[in-house]
């Protein structure tokens, strides 16, 4: 969980659908903590990865631009 007073507010993209291979992010703490917490939407009590906010922003920009290629 977060070490500051802000609770983590989890968000799953509306593009995720019901396929089960989704992640959730808690972008509400990016400004105060400098990270974007990420977790597996199927395992809410599992590990949380803290991705540096700048790296997460670059990742999202790359996805939107189609720069990451097909998986």
PDB file of N, CA and C in Angstrom:
ATOM      1  N   UNK A   1       0.831  -1.197   0.000  1.00  0.00           N
ATOM      2  CA  UNK A   1       0.000   0.000   0.000  1.00  0.00           C
ATOM      3  C   UNK A   1       0.867   1.248   0.000  1.00  0.00           C
ATOM      4  N   UNK A   2       0.221   2.323  -0.120  1.00  0.00           N
ATOM      5  CA  UNK A   2       0.918   3.602  -0.190  1.00  0.00           C
ATOM      6  C   UNK A   2       1.471   4.015   1.172  1.00  0.00           C
ATOM      7  N   UNK A   3       2.609   4.697   1.154  1.00  0.00           N
ATOM      8  CA  UNK A   3       3.210   5.153   2.402  1.00  0.00           C
ATOM      9  C   UNK A   3       2.780   6.563   2.773  1.00  0.00           C
ATOM     10  N   UNK A   4       2.102   7.261   1.867  1.00  0.00           N
ATOM     11  CA  UNK A   4       1.590   8.588   2.209  1.00  0.00           C
ATOM     12  C   UNK A   4       0.110   8.476   2.572  1.00  0.00           C
ATOM     13  N   UNK A   5      -0.544   9.592   2.753  1.00  0.00           N
ATOM     14  CA  UNK A   5      -1.922   9.554   3.231  1.00  0.00           C
ATOM     15  C   UNK A   5      -2.949   9.290   2.124  1.00  0.00           C
ATOM     16  N   UNK A   6      -2.523   9.271   0.876  1.00  0.00           N
ATOM     17  CA  UNK A   6      -3.473   9.035  -0.204  1.00  0.00           C
ATOM     18  C   UNK A   6      -3.756   7.546  -0.383  1.00  0.00           C
ATOM     19  N   UNK A   7      -5.023   7.166  -0.459  1.00  0.00           N
ATOM     20  CA  UNK A   7      -5.344   5.758  -0.744  1.00  0.00           C
ATOM     21  C   UNK A   7      -5.092   5.480  -2.230  1.00  0.00           C
ATOM     22  N   UNK A   8      -4.834   4.230  -2.562  1.00  0.00           N
ATOM     23  CA  UNK A   8      -4.674   3.853  -3.959  1.00  0.00           C
ATOM     24  C   UNK A   8      -6.058   3.675  -4.571  1.00  0.00           C
ATOM     25  N   UNK A   9      -6.338   4.417  -5.624  1.00  0.00           N
ATOM     26  CA  UNK A   9      -7.611   4.317  -6.340  1.00  0.00           C
ATOM     27  C   UNK A   9      -7.310   3.607  -7.649  1.00  0.00           C
ATOM     28  N   UNK A  10      -7.728   2.346  -7.729  1.00  0.00           N
ATOM     29  CA  UNK A  10      -7.385   1.488  -8.853  1.00  0.00           C
ATOM     30  C   UNK A  10      -8.281   1.745 -10.053  1.00  0.00           C
ATOM     31  N   UNK A  11      -7.692   1.681 -11.242  1.00  0.00           N
ATOM     32  CA  UNK A  11      -8.383   1.936 -12.499  1.00  0.00           C
ATOM     33  C   UNK A  11      -7.990   0.859 -13.502  1.00  0.00           C
ATOM     34  N   UNK A  12      -8.981   0.306 -14.191  1.00  0.00           N
ATOM     35  CA  UNK A  12      -8.734  -0.639 -15.268  1.00  0.00           C
ATOM     36  C   UNK A  12      -9.266  -0.019 -16.548  1.00  0.00           C
ATOM     37  N   UNK A  13      -8.505  -0.074 -17.614  1.00  0.00           N
ATOM     38  CA  UNK A  13      -8.902   0.517 -18.882  1.00  0.00           C
ATOM     39  C   UNK A  13     -10.230  -0.047 -19.365  1.00  0.00           C
ATOM     40  N   UNK A  14     -11.035   0.801 -19.970  1.00  0.00           N
ATOM     41  CA  UNK A  14     -12.288   0.350 -20.554  1.00  0.00           C
ATOM     42  C   UNK A  14     -12.034  -0.521 -21.779  1.00  0.00           C
ATOM     43  N   UNK A  15     -10.821  -0.512 -22.309  1.00  0.00           N
ATOM     44  CA  UNK A  15     -10.453  -1.361 -23.439  1.00  0.00           C
ATOM     45  C   UNK A  15     -10.164  -2.790 -23.004  1.00  0.00           C
ATOM     46  N   UNK A  16     -10.083  -3.045 -21.705  1.00  0.00           N
ATOM     47  CA  UNK A  16      -9.679  -4.352 -21.200  1.00  0.00           C
ATOM     48  C   UNK A  16     -10.672  -5.462 -21.487  1.00  0.00           C
ATOM     49  N   UNK A  17     -11.948  -5.181 -21.477  1.00  0.00           N
ATOM     50  CA  UNK A  17     -12.949  -6.221 -21.704  1.00  0.00           C
ATOM     51  C   UNK A  17     -12.957  -7.225 -20.559  1.00  0.00           C
ATOM     52  N   UNK A  18     -13.429  -8.428 -20.841  1.00  0.00           N
ATOM     53  CA  UNK A  18     -13.531  -9.459 -19.809  1.00  0.00           C
ATOM     54  C   UNK A  18     -12.616 -10.639 -20.078  1.00  0.00           C
ATOM     55  N   UNK A  19     -11.514 -10.424 -20.797  1.00  0.00           N
ATOM     56  CA  UNK A  19     -10.616 -11.510 -21.149  1.00  0.00           C
ATOM     57  C   UNK A  19      -9.790 -12.046 -20.001  1.00  0.00           C
ATOM     58  N   UNK A  20      -9.670 -11.301 -18.916  1.00  0.00           N
ATOM     59  CA  UNK A  20      -8.943 -11.764 -17.751  1.00  0.00           C
ATOM     60  C   UNK A  20      -7.463 -11.435 -17.742  1.00  0.00           C
ATOM     61  N   UNK A  21      -6.921 -10.923 -18.831  1.00  0.00           N
ATOM     62  CA  UNK A  21      -5.503 -10.581 -18.885  1.00  0.00           C
ATOM     63  C   UNK A  21      -5.332  -9.067 -18.743  1.00  0.00           C
ATOM     64  N   UNK A  22      -5.711  -8.552 -17.604  1.00  0.00           N
ATOM     65  CA  UNK A  22      -5.737  -7.105 -17.410  1.00  0.00           C
ATOM     66  C   UNK A  22      -4.836  -6.685 -16.250  1.00  0.00           C
ATOM     67  N   UNK A  23      -4.456  -5.432 -16.302  1.00  0.00           N
ATOM     68  CA  UNK A  23      -3.778  -4.824 -15.164  1.00  0.00           C
ATOM     69  C   UNK A  23      -4.621  -3.657 -14.689  1.00  0.00           C
ATOM     70  N   UNK A  24      -4.367  -3.241 -13.470  1.00  0.00           N
ATOM     71  CA  UNK A  24      -4.984  -2.035 -12.917  1.00  0.00           C
ATOM     72  C   UNK A  24      -3.864  -1.102 -12.506  1.00  0.00           C
ATOM     73  N   UNK A  25      -4.110   0.191 -12.615  1.00  0.00           N
ATOM     74  CA  UNK A  25      -3.135   1.191 -12.195  1.00  0.00           C
ATOM     75  C   UNK A  25      -3.784   2.133 -11.188  1.00  0.00           C
ATOM     76  N   UNK A  26      -2.963   2.703 -10.328  1.00  0.00           N
ATOM     77  CA  UNK A  26      -3.436   3.705  -9.364  1.00  0.00           C
ATOM     78  C   UNK A  26      -2.694   5.002  -9.660  1.00  0.00           C
ATOM     79  N   UNK A  27      -3.113   5.665 -10.729  1.00  0.00           N
ATOM     80  CA  UNK A  27      -2.429   6.869 -11.195  1.00  0.00           C
ATOM     81  C   UNK A  27      -2.633   8.064 -10.271  1.00  0.00           C
ATOM     82  N   UNK A  28      -3.549   7.963  -9.325  1.00  0.00           N
ATOM     83  CA  UNK A  28      -3.839   9.110  -8.457  1.00  0.00           C
ATOM     84  C   UNK A  28      -2.677   9.483  -7.540  1.00  0.00           C
ATOM     85  N   UNK A  29      -1.685   8.629  -7.387  1.00  0.00           N
ATOM     86  CA  UNK A  29      -0.545   8.947  -6.511  1.00  0.00           C
ATOM     87  C   UNK A  29       0.711   9.290  -7.301  1.00  0.00           C
ATOM     88  N   UNK A  30       0.608   9.380  -8.633  1.00  0.00           N
ATOM     89  CA  UNK A  30       1.786   9.646  -9.463  1.00  0.00           C
ATOM     90  C   UNK A  30       2.461  10.963  -9.098  1.00  0.00           C
ATOM     91  N   UNK A  31       1.695  12.005  -8.891  1.00  0.00           N
ATOM     92  CA  UNK A  31       2.287  13.309  -8.584  1.00  0.00           C
ATOM     93  C   UNK A  31       2.936  13.344  -7.203  1.00  0.00           C
ATOM     94  N   UNK A  32       2.286  12.756  -6.204  1.00  0.00           N
ATOM     95  CA  UNK A  32       2.814  12.836  -4.839  1.00  0.00           C
ATOM     96  C   UNK A  32       3.943  11.844  -4.569  1.00  0.00           C
ATOM     97  N   UNK A  33       3.912  10.676  -5.243  1.00  0.00           N
ATOM     98  CA  UNK A  33       4.916   9.644  -4.987  1.00  0.00           C
ATOM     99  C   UNK A  33       5.914   9.470  -6.116  1.00  0.00           C
ATOM    100  N   UNK A  34       5.581   9.976  -7.317  1.00  0.00           N
ATOM    101  CA  UNK A  34       6.479   9.827  -8.459  1.00  0.00           C
ATOM    102  C   UNK A  34       6.465   8.446  -9.067  1.00  0.00           C
ATOM    103  N   UNK A  35       5.473   7.633  -8.701  1.00  0.00           N
ATOM    104  CA  UNK A  35       5.337   6.284  -9.247  1.00  0.00           C
ATOM    105  C   UNK A  35       3.881   6.019  -9.604  1.00  0.00           C
ATOM    106  N   UNK A  36       3.686   5.033 -10.484  1.00  0.00           N
ATOM    107  CA  UNK A  36       2.350   4.554 -10.811  1.00  0.00           C
ATOM    108  C   UNK A  36       2.288   3.095 -10.365  1.00  0.00           C
ATOM    109  N   UNK A  37       1.562   2.803  -9.284  1.00  0.00           N
ATOM    110  CA  UNK A  37       1.404   1.417  -8.849  1.00  0.00           C
ATOM    111  C   UNK A  37       0.604   0.614  -9.878  1.00  0.00           C
ATOM    112  N   UNK A  38       1.039  -0.619 -10.148  1.00  0.00           N
ATOM    113  CA  UNK A  38       0.403  -1.494 -11.123  1.00  0.00           C
ATOM    114  C   UNK A  38       0.201  -2.858 -10.468  1.00  0.00           C
ATOM    115  N   UNK A  39      -0.975  -3.466 -10.697  1.00  0.00           N
ATOM    116  CA  UNK A  39      -1.235  -4.808 -10.156  1.00  0.00           C
ATOM    117  C   UNK A  39      -2.031  -5.632 -11.167  1.00  0.00           C
ATOM    118  N   UNK A  40      -2.034  -6.927 -10.971  1.00  0.00           N
ATOM    119  CA  UNK A  40      -2.803  -7.868 -11.783  1.00  0.00           C
ATOM    120  C   UNK A  40      -4.263  -7.794 -11.333  1.00  0.00           C
ATOM    121  N   UNK A  41      -5.168  -7.560 -12.247  1.00  0.00           N
ATOM    122  CA  UNK A  41      -6.580  -7.408 -11.872  1.00  0.00           C
ATOM    123  C   UNK A  41      -7.201  -8.711 -11.376  1.00  0.00           C
ATOM    124  N   UNK A  42      -6.560  -9.839 -11.638  1.00  0.00           N
ATOM    125  CA  UNK A  42      -7.085 -11.131 -11.167  1.00  0.00           C
ATOM    126  C   UNK A  42      -6.580 -11.483  -9.774  1.00  0.00           C
ATOM    127  N   UNK A  43      -5.566 -10.772  -9.290  1.00  0.00           N
ATOM    128  CA  UNK A  43      -4.950 -11.078  -8.005  1.00  0.00           C
ATOM    129  C   UNK A  43      -4.813  -9.789  -7.202  1.00  0.00           C
ATOM    130  N   UNK A  44      -5.925  -9.309  -6.676  1.00  0.00           N
ATOM    131  CA  UNK A  44      -5.953  -8.003  -6.010  1.00  0.00           C
ATOM    132  C   UNK A  44      -5.088  -7.943  -4.761  1.00  0.00           C
ATOM    133  N   UNK A  45      -4.794  -9.070  -4.160  1.00  0.00           N
ATOM    134  CA  UNK A  45      -3.941  -9.090  -2.968  1.00  0.00           C
ATOM    135  C   UNK A  45      -2.513  -9.486  -3.301  1.00  0.00           C
ATOM    136  N   UNK A  46      -2.204  -9.595  -4.581  1.00  0.00           N
ATOM    137  CA  UNK A  46      -0.859  -9.967  -5.012  1.00  0.00           C
ATOM    138  C   UNK A  46       0.081  -8.778  -4.983  1.00  0.00           C
ATOM    139  N   UNK A  47       1.260  -8.962  -5.564  1.00  0.00           N
ATOM    140  CA  UNK A  47       2.261  -7.898  -5.538  1.00  0.00           C
ATOM    141  C   UNK A  47       1.833  -6.670  -6.334  1.00  0.00           C
ATOM    142  N   UNK A  48       2.351  -5.533  -5.924  1.00  0.00           N
ATOM    143  CA  UNK A  48       2.130  -4.264  -6.610  1.00  0.00           C
ATOM    144  C   UNK A  48       3.489  -3.772  -7.082  1.00  0.00           C
ATOM    145  N   UNK A  49       3.570  -3.459  -8.367  1.00  0.00           N
ATOM    146  CA  UNK A  49       4.796  -2.907  -8.929  1.00  0.00           C
ATOM    147  C   UNK A  49       4.690  -1.392  -8.953  1.00  0.00           C
ATOM    148  N   UNK A  50       5.689  -0.703  -8.445  1.00  0.00           N
ATOM    149  CA  UNK A  50       5.739   0.754  -8.510  1.00  0.00           C
ATOM    150  C   UNK A  50       6.604   1.145  -9.705  1.00  0.00           C
ATOM    151  N   UNK A  51       5.960   1.600 -10.777  1.00  0.00           N
ATOM    152  CA  UNK A  51       6.641   2.007 -12.000  1.00  0.00           C
ATOM    153  C   UNK A  51       6.895   3.512 -11.917  1.00  0.00           C
ATOM    154  N   UNK A  52       8.137   3.961 -12.173  1.00  0.00           N
ATOM    155  CA  UNK A  52       8.369   5.413 -12.177  1.00  0.00           C
ATOM    156  C   UNK A  52       7.382   6.108 -13.118  1.00  0.00           C
ATOM    157  N   UNK A  53       6.809   7.217 -12.656  1.00  0.00           N
ATOM    158  CA  UNK A  53       5.756   7.903 -13.413  1.00  0.00           C
ATOM    159  C   UNK A  53       6.221   8.288 -14.812  1.00  0.00           C
ATOM    160  N   UNK A  54       7.439   8.729 -14.953  1.00  0.00           N
ATOM    161  CA  UNK A  54       7.947   9.125 -16.274  1.00  0.00           C
ATOM    162  C   UNK A  54       8.031   7.913 -17.210  1.00  0.00           C
ATOM    163  N   UNK A  55       8.472   6.779 -16.696  1.00  0.00           N
ATOM    164  CA  UNK A  55       8.553   5.562 -17.506  1.00  0.00           C
ATOM    165  C   UNK A  55       7.162   5.086 -17.905  1.00  0.00           C
ATOM    166  N   UNK A  56       6.207   5.159 -16.996  1.00  0.00           N
ATOM    167  CA  UNK A  56       4.843   4.739 -17.311  1.00  0.00           C
ATOM    168  C   UNK A  56       4.239   5.646 -18.378  1.00  0.00           C
ATOM    169  N   UNK A  57       4.494   6.940 -18.265  1.00  0.00           N
ATOM    170  CA  UNK A  57       4.000   7.895 -19.256  1.00  0.00           C
ATOM    171  C   UNK A  57       4.592   7.597 -20.636  1.00  0.00           C
ATOM    172  N   UNK A  58       5.876   7.287 -20.684  1.00  0.00           N
ATOM    173  CA  UNK A  58       6.514   6.936 -21.957  1.00  0.00           C
ATOM    174  C   UNK A  58       5.929   5.657 -22.531  1.00  0.00           C
ATOM    175  N   UNK A  59       5.648   4.683 -21.673  1.00  0.00           N
ATOM    176  CA  UNK A  59       5.034   3.432 -22.110  1.00  0.00           C
ATOM    177  C   UNK A  59       3.663   3.696 -22.735  1.00  0.00           C
ATOM    178  N   UNK A  60       2.823   4.471 -22.061  1.00  0.00           N
ATOM    179  CA  UNK A  60       1.477   4.771 -22.571  1.00  0.00           C
ATOM    180  C   UNK A  60       1.572   5.514 -23.898  1.00  0.00           C
ATOM    181  N   UNK A  61       2.493   6.465 -23.994  1.00  0.00           N
ATOM    182  CA  UNK A  61       2.682   7.204 -25.243  1.00  0.00           C
ATOM    183  C   UNK A  61       3.073   6.254 -26.370  1.00  0.00           C
ATOM    184  N   UNK A  62       3.965   5.303 -26.077  1.00  0.00           N
ATOM    185  CA  UNK A  62       4.379   4.322 -27.075  1.00  0.00           C
ATOM    186  C   UNK A  62       3.254   3.407 -27.508  1.00  0.00           C
ATOM    187  N   UNK A  63       2.419   3.007 -26.570  1.00  0.00           N
ATOM    188  CA  UNK A  63       1.274   2.153 -26.902  1.00  0.00           C
ATOM    189  C   UNK A  63       0.312   2.913 -27.812  1.00  0.00           C
ATOM    190  N   UNK A  64       0.003   4.144 -27.448  1.00  0.00           N
ATOM    191  CA  UNK A  64      -0.931   4.942 -28.253  1.00  0.00           C
ATOM    192  C   UNK A  64      -0.404   5.183 -29.647  1.00  0.00           C
ATOM    193  N   UNK A  65       0.911   5.340 -29.788  1.00  0.00           N
ATOM    194  CA  UNK A  65       1.521   5.599 -31.094  1.00  0.00           C
ATOM    195  C   UNK A  65       1.747   4.327 -31.908  1.00  0.00           C
ATOM    196  N   UNK A  66       1.547   3.164 -31.285  1.00  0.00           N
ATOM    197  CA  UNK A  66       1.764   1.899 -31.976  1.00  0.00           C
ATOM    198  C   UNK A  66       3.238   1.546 -32.127  1.00  0.00           C
ATOM    199  N   UNK A  67       4.092   2.132 -31.295  1.00  0.00           N
ATOM    200  CA  UNK A  67       5.540   1.941 -31.388  1.00  0.00           C
ATOM    201  C   UNK A  67       6.044   0.642 -30.771  1.00  0.00           C
ATOM    202  N   UNK A  68       5.191  -0.107 -30.100  1.00  0.00           N
ATOM    203  CA  UNK A  68       5.671  -1.298 -29.383  1.00  0.00           C
ATOM    204  C   UNK A  68       5.550  -2.572 -30.198  1.00  0.00           C
ATOM    205  N   UNK A  69       4.956  -2.506 -31.367  1.00  0.00           N
ATOM    206  CA  UNK A  69       4.835  -3.689 -32.216  1.00  0.00           C
ATOM    207  C   UNK A  69       3.757  -4.635 -31.726  1.00  0.00           C
ATOM    208  N   UNK A  70       3.571  -5.683 -32.482  1.00  0.00           N
ATOM    209  CA  UNK A  70       2.559  -6.691 -32.152  1.00  0.00           C
ATOM    210  C   UNK A  70       3.121  -7.699 -31.160  1.00  0.00           C
ATOM    211  N   UNK A  71       2.246  -8.183 -30.320  1.00  0.00           N
ATOM    212  CA  UNK A  71       2.654  -9.199 -29.335  1.00  0.00           C
ATOM    213  C   UNK A  71       2.047 -10.524 -29.734  1.00  0.00           C
TER     214      UNK A  71
END
